[in-house]
Protein backbone atom coordinates (compact mmCIF):
# COMPACT_ATOMS: atom_id res chain seq x y z
CA MET A 1 0.00 0.00 0.00
CA LEU A 2 1.41 3.38 -1.01
CA THR A 3 1.20 6.08 1.65
CA SER A 4 3.30 9.06 0.58
CA ILE A 5 5.93 10.35 -1.81
CA HIS A 6 9.10 12.29 -1.03
CA PRO A 7 10.77 13.68 -4.14
CA LYS A 8 14.56 13.81 -4.33
CA LEU A 9 16.03 16.81 -6.10
CA PRO A 10 19.62 17.79 -6.91
CA MET A 11 21.44 20.55 -5.03
CA ARG A 12 24.85 22.10 -5.62
CA ASP A 13 25.32 23.67 -2.18
CA LYS A 14 23.67 22.20 0.89
CA GLN A 15 23.83 25.40 2.97
CA LEU A 16 22.33 27.52 0.18
CA THR A 17 19.52 24.99 -0.37
CA LYS A 18 18.84 24.73 3.35
CA ASP A 19 18.72 28.51 3.72
CA PHE A 20 16.30 28.87 0.82
CA TYR A 21 13.85 26.22 1.98
CA VAL A 22 13.98 27.21 5.65
CA ASN A 23 14.07 31.01 5.38
CA HIS A 24 12.19 31.63 2.13
CA LEU A 25 9.65 28.80 2.17
CA GLY A 26 9.20 28.05 5.87
CA PHE A 27 10.34 24.43 5.85
CA HIS A 28 12.39 22.96 8.67
CA VAL A 29 15.27 20.50 8.51
CA LEU A 30 14.13 16.94 9.10
CA GLY A 31 16.12 14.29 10.92
CA GLY A 32 18.72 14.36 13.64
CA ALA A 33 21.74 13.31 11.59
CA ASP A 34 23.55 15.82 9.41
CA PHE A 35 24.87 14.09 6.30
CA PRO A 36 27.17 16.27 4.18
CA ASP A 37 25.70 15.10 0.85
CA TYR A 38 22.01 14.84 1.77
CA LEU A 39 19.30 17.15 3.08
CA MET A 40 15.70 16.53 4.11
CA VAL A 41 13.21 19.34 4.74
CA GLU A 42 9.58 19.20 5.85
CA LYS A 43 6.60 21.53 6.07
CA GLU A 44 3.09 20.52 7.06
CA GLY A 45 3.71 16.87 6.23
CA ILE A 46 5.38 17.61 2.87
CA GLN A 47 8.95 16.33 2.65
CA ILE A 48 11.50 17.14 -0.01
CA HIS A 49 14.87 15.40 -0.06
CA PHE A 50 18.02 16.68 -1.77
CA PHE A 51 21.20 14.96 -2.90
CA LEU A 52 24.49 16.74 -3.51
CA PHE A 53 25.31 17.21 -7.21
CA ARG A 54 28.10 19.78 -7.35
CA GLU A 55 28.50 19.49 -11.13
CA LEU A 56 24.83 20.34 -11.77
CA ASP A 57 24.30 22.98 -14.41
CA PRO A 58 21.12 24.80 -13.29
CA LYS A 59 20.33 25.69 -16.91
CA GLU A 60 20.09 21.95 -17.64
CA ASN A 61 18.15 20.98 -14.52
CA TYR A 62 14.54 20.00 -15.12
CA GLY A 63 13.69 18.88 -11.57
CA GLN A 64 10.04 19.64 -10.83
CA VAL A 65 7.63 19.05 -7.97
CA TYR A 66 3.90 19.80 -7.85
CA ILE A 67 2.65 20.50 -4.33
CA ARG A 68 -1.08 20.62 -3.62
CA THR A 69 -2.50 22.98 -1.02
CA ASN A 70 -5.91 23.78 0.40
CA ASP A 71 -5.22 27.53 0.71
CA ILE A 72 -3.18 28.66 -2.28
CA ASP A 73 -3.75 32.36 -1.61
CA ALA A 74 -2.32 32.10 1.92
CA VAL A 75 0.72 30.14 0.70
CA TYR A 76 1.33 32.71 -2.03
CA ARG A 77 1.05 35.64 0.42
CA ASP A 78 3.35 33.90 2.91
CA PHE A 79 6.05 33.42 0.26
CA LEU A 80 5.73 37.03 -0.89
CA ASP A 81 5.99 38.22 2.74
CA ARG A 82 9.20 36.17 3.09
CA GLY A 83 10.65 37.86 -0.01
CA THR A 84 10.49 34.72 -2.12
CA ALA A 85 10.77 35.39 -5.85
CA ILE A 86 7.87 34.04 -7.89
CA HIS A 87 8.75 32.51 -11.28
CA PRO A 88 8.37 35.25 -13.94
CA ASN A 89 5.96 33.01 -15.89
CA GLY A 90 4.37 31.47 -12.81
CA HIS A 91 2.41 34.12 -10.95
CA LEU A 92 -0.74 33.09 -9.14
CA GLU A 93 -3.57 32.49 -11.59
CA ASP A 94 -6.49 30.23 -12.42
CA LYS A 95 -5.50 27.67 -15.03
CA PRO A 96 -7.78 26.21 -17.72
CA TRP A 97 -7.20 22.72 -16.29
CA GLY A 98 -9.07 23.64 -13.12
CA GLN A 99 -6.22 24.57 -10.80
CA ARG A 100 -5.17 27.85 -9.16
CA GLU A 101 -1.37 27.79 -9.30
CA PHE A 102 1.92 29.60 -8.96
CA SER A 103 5.55 28.52 -9.35
CA ILE A 104 8.98 29.32 -7.94
CA LEU A 105 12.51 28.23 -8.76
CA ASP A 106 14.94 27.19 -6.06
CA PRO A 107 18.68 28.07 -6.23
CA ASP A 108 19.36 25.02 -8.42
CA ASN A 109 16.51 25.70 -10.86
CA ASN A 110 14.22 23.03 -9.44
CA LEU A 111 10.68 24.15 -10.29
CA LEU A 112 8.17 24.06 -7.44
CA THR A 113 4.56 24.52 -8.51
CA PHE A 114 1.87 24.99 -5.87
CA GLY A 115 -1.74 24.35 -6.76
CA GLU A 116 -5.27 24.11 -5.44
CA PRO A 117 -8.35 22.84 -7.29
CA LEU A 118 -10.74 25.60 -8.34
């Protein structure tokens, strides 16, 4: 029986990734052990894991995660209040496929899209 999914995304710099997810998105670091090449963050039951990939070229990274929410407007406002940059082509809007969405890019060009059914 499947119970959850925890995507694994590449990161070039663990401290930079940790700072972005903790300070700009409100996640917290998960787990008691600190592995130099791995990072786990969590927010409201949503976990994202990261593996070190120093040679990653962000322009060639197509990592993407779609995160569902039940209050997209509050999530959007929270990120704006934290100074989080919204993707230039991903501002909050109603989509023709029945979702209200917005997107951001993390420091390694991983695309995070947040959505709520209309």
